[in-house]
Structure formats: structure tokens, C-alpha cells
Amino acid sequence: MNNFGSTLAKIVVFAGGAFAGALLTGWLDKLIMARTQEQSESDSSRYAQGLQPHSRPLSGEEYQK
């Protein structure tokens, strides 16, 4: 019976982890999509004004100045 209990506990833990991972993935996807949409709208607005889009430094370039 002990072996059955530990197997059941492992299944519950793995299922809970998978569920939590799925929720976290969905939340992060929505967060990234919202940020991307916001950046796209900002770039479109700057383009309409004849300006270049904002660009982020690829690697600590802003700190090297």
C-alpha cells in the first residue's frame, strides 16, 4: 500500500506542476503579446511622424558610455 500511496502522490505532484506551468505559460504569453502590441503601436506612431522606431541596446551598450 505504501508503494501505491507514493505513486499516487507523485502523479498528483506532476499533474499539479503541469497545471501550474500551463497557467504560467498562458499568463506570460498574454504579457509578452501586450508588450509587443504596445511597442508596435508606438513604432507605428513614430513612423507616421517620420521618426525612427525606438531601439533597445542588444547588450549593455548603454552602460558602457
C-alpha atoms as a PDB file:
ATOM      1  CA  MET A   1       0.000   0.000   0.000  1.00  0.00           C
ATOM      2  CA  ASN A   2       2.895   2.333   0.707  1.00  0.00           C
ATOM      3  CA  ASN A   3       4.136   1.991  -2.862  1.00  0.00           C
ATOM      4  CA  PHE A   4       0.670   2.804  -4.187  1.00  0.00           C
ATOM      5  CA  GLY A   5       0.443   5.899  -1.965  1.00  0.00           C
ATOM      6  CA  SER A   6       3.796   7.254  -3.052  1.00  0.00           C
ATOM      7  CA  THR A   7       2.973   6.621  -6.718  1.00  0.00           C
ATOM      8  CA  LEU A   8      -0.340   8.438  -6.322  1.00  0.00           C
ATOM      9  CA  ALA A   9       1.403  11.343  -4.571  1.00  0.00           C
ATOM     10  CA  LYS A  10       3.934  11.606  -7.426  1.00  0.00           C
ATOM     11  CA  ILE A  11       1.153  11.635 -10.011  1.00  0.00           C
ATOM     12  CA  VAL A  12      -0.673  14.395  -8.136  1.00  0.00           C
ATOM     13  CA  VAL A  13       2.501  16.472  -7.823  1.00  0.00           C
ATOM     14  CA  PHE A  14       3.397  16.057 -11.508  1.00  0.00           C
ATOM     15  CA  ALA A  15      -0.152  16.909 -12.592  1.00  0.00           C
ATOM     16  CA  GLY A  16      -0.160  19.969 -10.335  1.00  0.00           C
ATOM     17  CA  GLY A  17       3.167  21.107 -11.774  1.00  0.00           C
ATOM     18  CA  ALA A  18       1.907  20.672 -15.314  1.00  0.00           C
ATOM     19  CA  PHE A  19      -1.218  22.661 -14.498  1.00  0.00           C
ATOM     20  CA  ALA A  20       0.787  25.455 -12.848  1.00  0.00           C
ATOM     21  CA  GLY A  21       3.162  25.515 -15.827  1.00  0.00           C
ATOM     22  CA  ALA A  22       0.259  25.824 -18.237  1.00  0.00           C
ATOM     23  CA  LEU A  23      -1.197  28.738 -16.253  1.00  0.00           C
ATOM     24  CA  LEU A  24       2.176  30.464 -16.047  1.00  0.00           C
ATOM     25  CA  THR A  25       2.784  29.995 -19.769  1.00  0.00           C
ATOM     26  CA  GLY A  26      -0.606  31.488 -20.637  1.00  0.00           C
ATOM     27  CA  TRP A  27      -0.027  34.462 -18.346  1.00  0.00           C
ATOM     28  CA  LEU A  28       3.451  35.136 -19.746  1.00  0.00           C
ATOM     29  CA  ASP A  29       2.162  34.809 -23.320  1.00  0.00           C
ATOM     30  CA  LYS A  30      -0.515  37.447 -22.670  1.00  0.00           C
ATOM     31  CA  LEU A  31       2.039  39.713 -21.005  1.00  0.00           C
ATOM     32  CA  ILE A  32       4.511  39.438 -23.898  1.00  0.00           C
ATOM     33  CA  MET A  33       1.784  39.910 -26.517  1.00  0.00           C
ATOM     34  CA  ALA A  34       0.509  43.052 -24.764  1.00  0.00           C
ATOM     35  CA  ARG A  35       4.042  44.487 -24.614  1.00  0.00           C
ATOM     36  CA  THR A  36       4.646  43.642 -28.268  1.00  0.00           C
ATOM     37  CA  GLN A  37       1.367  45.278 -29.307  1.00  0.00           C
ATOM     38  CA  GLU A  38       2.214  48.377 -27.303  1.00  0.00           C
ATOM     39  CA  GLN A  39       5.666  48.597 -28.913  1.00  0.00           C
ATOM     40  CA  SER A  40       4.166  48.086 -32.376  1.00  0.00           C
ATOM     41  CA  GLU A  41       1.670  50.903 -31.850  1.00  0.00           C
ATOM     42  CA  SER A  42       4.431  53.173 -30.585  1.00  0.00           C
ATOM     43  CA  ASP A  43       6.631  52.380 -33.585  1.00  0.00           C
ATOM     44  CA  SER A  44       3.719  52.950 -35.990  1.00  0.00           C
ATOM     45  CA  SER A  45       3.053  56.308 -34.385  1.00  0.00           C
ATOM     46  CA  ARG A  46       6.718  57.318 -34.657  1.00  0.00           C
ATOM     47  CA  TYR A  47       6.817  56.136 -38.289  1.00  0.00           C
ATOM     48  CA  ALA A  48       3.762  58.283 -39.101  1.00  0.00           C
ATOM     49  CA  GLN A  49       5.659  61.270 -37.668  1.00  0.00           C
ATOM     50  CA  GLY A  50       8.684  60.466 -39.818  1.00  0.00           C
ATOM     51  CA  LEU A  51      10.773  59.277 -36.873  1.00  0.00           C
ATOM     52  CA  GLN A  52      12.684  56.036 -36.487  1.00  0.00           C
ATOM     53  CA  PRO A  53      11.363  53.432 -34.047  1.00  0.00           C
ATOM     54  CA  HIS A  54      12.971  53.168 -30.632  1.00  0.00           C
ATOM     55  CA  SER A  55      15.646  50.518 -30.447  1.00  0.00           C
ATOM     56  CA  ARG A  56      16.952  48.763 -27.379  1.00  0.00           C
ATOM     57  CA  PRO A  57      20.644  48.113 -26.914  1.00  0.00           C
ATOM     58  CA  LEU A  58      21.497  44.487 -27.633  1.00  0.00           C
ATOM     59  CA  SER A  59      23.930  44.093 -24.767  1.00  0.00           C
ATOM     60  CA  GLY A  60      24.831  46.576 -22.044  1.00  0.00           C
ATOM     61  CA  GLU A  61      25.783  49.218 -24.627  1.00  0.00           C
ATOM     62  CA  GLU A  62      24.034  51.969 -22.693  1.00  0.00           C
ATOM     63  CA  TYR A  63      26.103  51.167 -19.605  1.00  0.00           C
ATOM     64  CA  GLN A  64      29.406  51.279 -21.479  1.00  0.00           C
ATOM     65  CA  LYS A  65      29.125  55.018 -22.198  1.00  0.00           C
END
